[in-house]
Protein backbone atom coordinates (compact mmCIF):
# COMPACT_ATOMS: atom_id res chain seq x y z
CA MET A 1 -23.31 3.67 5.33
CA GLU A 2 -21.21 0.74 4.14
CA LEU A 3 -18.37 1.41 1.69
CA ILE A 4 -15.74 -0.71 0.00
CA ASP A 5 -12.28 0.90 0.12
CA LEU A 6 -9.03 0.03 -1.61
CA ILE A 7 -6.13 0.46 0.79
CA PRO A 8 -2.49 0.30 -0.38
CA ASN A 9 -0.85 -2.90 0.88
CA SER A 10 2.83 -3.31 0.03
CA MET A 11 2.83 -3.53 -3.78
CA SER A 12 -0.89 -4.15 -4.18
CA PHE A 13 -4.19 -3.09 -2.66
CA ARG A 14 -6.38 -4.55 0.05
CA ILE A 15 -10.18 -4.38 -0.18
CA VAL A 16 -11.74 -3.25 3.10
CA THR A 17 -15.39 -2.89 4.04
CA THR A 18 -15.88 0.39 5.90
CA VAL A 19 -18.93 1.37 7.93
CA ASP A 20 -19.49 4.99 8.97
CA ILE A 21 -21.63 5.13 12.10
CA ASP A 22 -23.20 7.58 14.52
CA ASP A 23 -23.87 4.93 17.19
CA GLU A 24 -22.24 1.58 18.09
CA SER A 25 -25.59 -0.17 17.62
CA GLU A 26 -25.09 0.35 13.87
CA ILE A 27 -22.11 -2.06 13.75
CA PRO A 28 -23.34 -5.24 12.04
CA VAL A 29 -23.16 -8.43 14.13
CA GLY A 30 -20.07 -10.45 13.19
CA PHE A 31 -18.67 -7.55 11.16
CA THR A 32 -15.21 -7.73 9.58
CA GLY A 33 -13.72 -4.44 8.43
CA ARG A 34 -13.23 -0.85 9.50
CA VAL A 35 -15.65 1.27 11.52
CA ARG A 36 -15.43 5.06 11.58
CA ARG A 37 -17.46 7.00 14.11
CA SER A 38 -17.90 10.73 13.98
CA ALA A 39 -19.37 13.07 16.57
CA ASP A 40 -20.61 16.53 15.58
CA GLY A 41 -18.94 16.16 12.18
CA VAL A 42 -15.51 15.30 13.62
CA LEU A 43 -13.91 11.84 13.38
CA ALA A 44 -14.00 10.39 16.93
CA TYR A 45 -12.44 6.98 16.33
CA VAL A 46 -11.52 4.29 13.85
CA ALA A 47 -11.94 0.65 14.91
CA TRP A 48 -11.05 -2.54 13.07
CA TYR A 49 -13.06 -5.72 13.54
CA GLN A 50 -12.64 -9.34 12.58
CA ARG A 51 -15.70 -11.57 12.97
CA GLY A 52 -17.30 -9.05 15.33
CA GLN A 53 -14.31 -8.57 17.64
CA LEU A 54 -11.75 -5.80 17.77
CA HIS A 55 -8.64 -7.04 15.97
CA ASN A 56 -5.52 -5.23 14.70
CA PRO A 57 -5.54 -4.89 10.90
CA GLY A 58 -1.75 -5.23 10.94
CA LYS A 59 0.84 -6.15 13.52
CA MET A 60 1.76 -2.56 14.34
CA HIS A 61 -1.55 -0.85 13.50
CA PRO A 62 -4.03 -0.54 16.40
CA ALA A 63 -7.49 -2.05 16.31
CA TYR A 64 -8.89 1.10 17.94
CA ARG A 65 -7.63 4.66 17.58
CA ARG A 66 -9.41 7.50 19.39
CA PHE A 67 -8.95 11.08 18.16
CA ARG A 68 -9.17 14.49 19.82
CA ARG A 69 -11.44 17.12 18.28
CA ASP A 70 -8.39 18.67 16.56
CA GLY A 71 -7.64 15.34 14.82
CA ARG A 72 -4.63 14.38 16.96
CA VAL A 73 -4.50 10.87 18.40
CA LYS A 74 -5.75 10.61 21.98
CA TYR A 75 -4.98 6.90 22.49
CA ASP A 76 -4.37 3.62 20.66
CA LEU A 77 -5.54 0.15 21.69
CA PHE A 78 -4.13 -3.06 20.23
CA TYR A 79 -6.38 -6.12 20.24
CA THR A 80 -6.12 -9.72 19.12
CA ASP A 81 -9.45 -11.50 18.74
CA GLY A 82 -11.21 -9.05 21.06
CA ALA A 83 -8.59 -9.08 23.86
CA LEU A 84 -6.05 -6.35 24.61
CA GLN A 85 -2.65 -7.70 23.60
CA ASP A 86 0.83 -6.19 23.25
CA PRO A 87 1.49 -6.23 19.49
CA ALA A 88 5.20 -7.01 19.95
CA THR A 89 7.85 -7.28 22.67
CA GLY A 90 8.54 -3.79 23.93
CA GLU A 91 5.31 -2.40 22.46
CA PRO A 92 2.30 -1.74 24.72
CA ALA A 93 -1.28 -2.72 24.05
CA VAL A 94 -2.43 0.74 25.22
CA ARG A 95 -0.72 4.06 24.59
CA GLY A 96 -2.22 7.43 25.52
CA TYR A 97 -1.02 10.82 24.40
CA TYR A 98 -1.10 14.36 25.75
CA ALA A 99 -2.71 16.96 23.48
CA SER A 100 0.84 17.97 22.48
CA GLY A 101 1.41 14.49 21.05
CA ALA A 102 3.86 13.44 23.79
CA VAL A 103 3.28 10.00 25.31
CA HIS A 104 1.26 10.21 28.55
CA TYR A 105 0.92 6.53 29.52
CA GLU A 106 1.45 2.96 28.34
CA GLU A 107 -0.18 -0.24 29.53
CA ARG A 108 0.84 -3.79 28.73
CA TYR A 109 -1.52 -6.74 28.35
CA SER A 110 -1.33 -10.42 27.59
CA ASN A 111 -4.53 -12.08 26.35
CA GLY A 112 -6.66 -9.28 27.78
CA VAL A 113 -5.02 -9.32 31.21
CA ARG A 114 -2.77 -6.52 32.48
CA ASN A 115 0.73 -7.95 32.84
CA ASN A 116 4.30 -6.71 32.84
CA GLY A 117 5.79 -6.75 29.36
CA ALA A 118 7.67 -9.80 28.06
CA ASP A 119 10.80 -7.62 28.18
CA GLY A 120 10.25 -6.91 31.91
CA THR A 121 8.74 -3.49 31.37
CA SER A 122 6.19 -2.45 34.02
CA ALA A 123 2.57 -3.07 33.09
CA VAL A 124 1.69 0.60 33.61
CA VAL A 125 4.06 3.48 32.97
CA LYS A 126 3.03 7.15 33.15
CA TRP A 127 4.96 10.28 32.26
CA ARG A 128 4.47 13.96 33.05
CA GLN A 129 3.96 16.45 30.23
CA ASP A 130 7.65 17.44 30.44
CA GLY A 131 8.61 13.81 29.65
CA THR A 132 9.84 12.84 33.11
CA LEU A 133 8.66 9.56 34.60
CA ARG A 134 5.66 9.92 36.91
CA HIS A 135 5.36 6.31 38.07
CA GLU A 136 5.41 2.64 37.15
CA ILE A 137 3.09 -0.11 38.38
CA GLN A 138 3.89 -3.81 38.22
CA TYR A 139 1.26 -6.47 37.39
CA HIS A 140 1.39 -10.24 37.08
CA ALA A 141 -1.59 -12.09 35.58
CA GLY A 142 -3.88 -9.12 36.25
CA HIS A 143 -2.83 -8.62 39.86
CA ARG A 144 -0.83 -5.65 41.11
CA VAL A 145 2.50 -6.71 42.65
CA ALA A 146 5.19 -4.92 44.62
CA PRO A 147 8.14 -3.81 42.49
CA ALA A 148 11.25 -5.97 42.60
CA GLY A 149 13.46 -4.97 45.53
CA GLY A 150 10.62 -3.04 47.17
């Protein structure tokens, strides 16, 4: 079902076409707008498209947000023109969460390729549930590299 929504935007409203789907095949070719997919009556994800490709609706709002059955965010993915892309320096393209809401992992991308962050942050960083660092993995242009000094 296709809907037209008014979404608050600063001091005005933005008109957004929203499609509620049960299957990805229902997404119109070349679609621009918001897609909401539910599974067994529970919102599974919200995805934003521009000309048929995943694209962030705002600089710090992810193009794809996956939810757990309880409604909490499972992970966020930031895309620019269909490619994973860090939305800003120091902000990862991918962020996953534990069921508690604590950050589980972050991944950095540049034009769809895993790469250390522009600020030197490791491309992949994972934490344990107690918040302690589990490990970091370095990447350059999509290729895993040894950490500096190691």
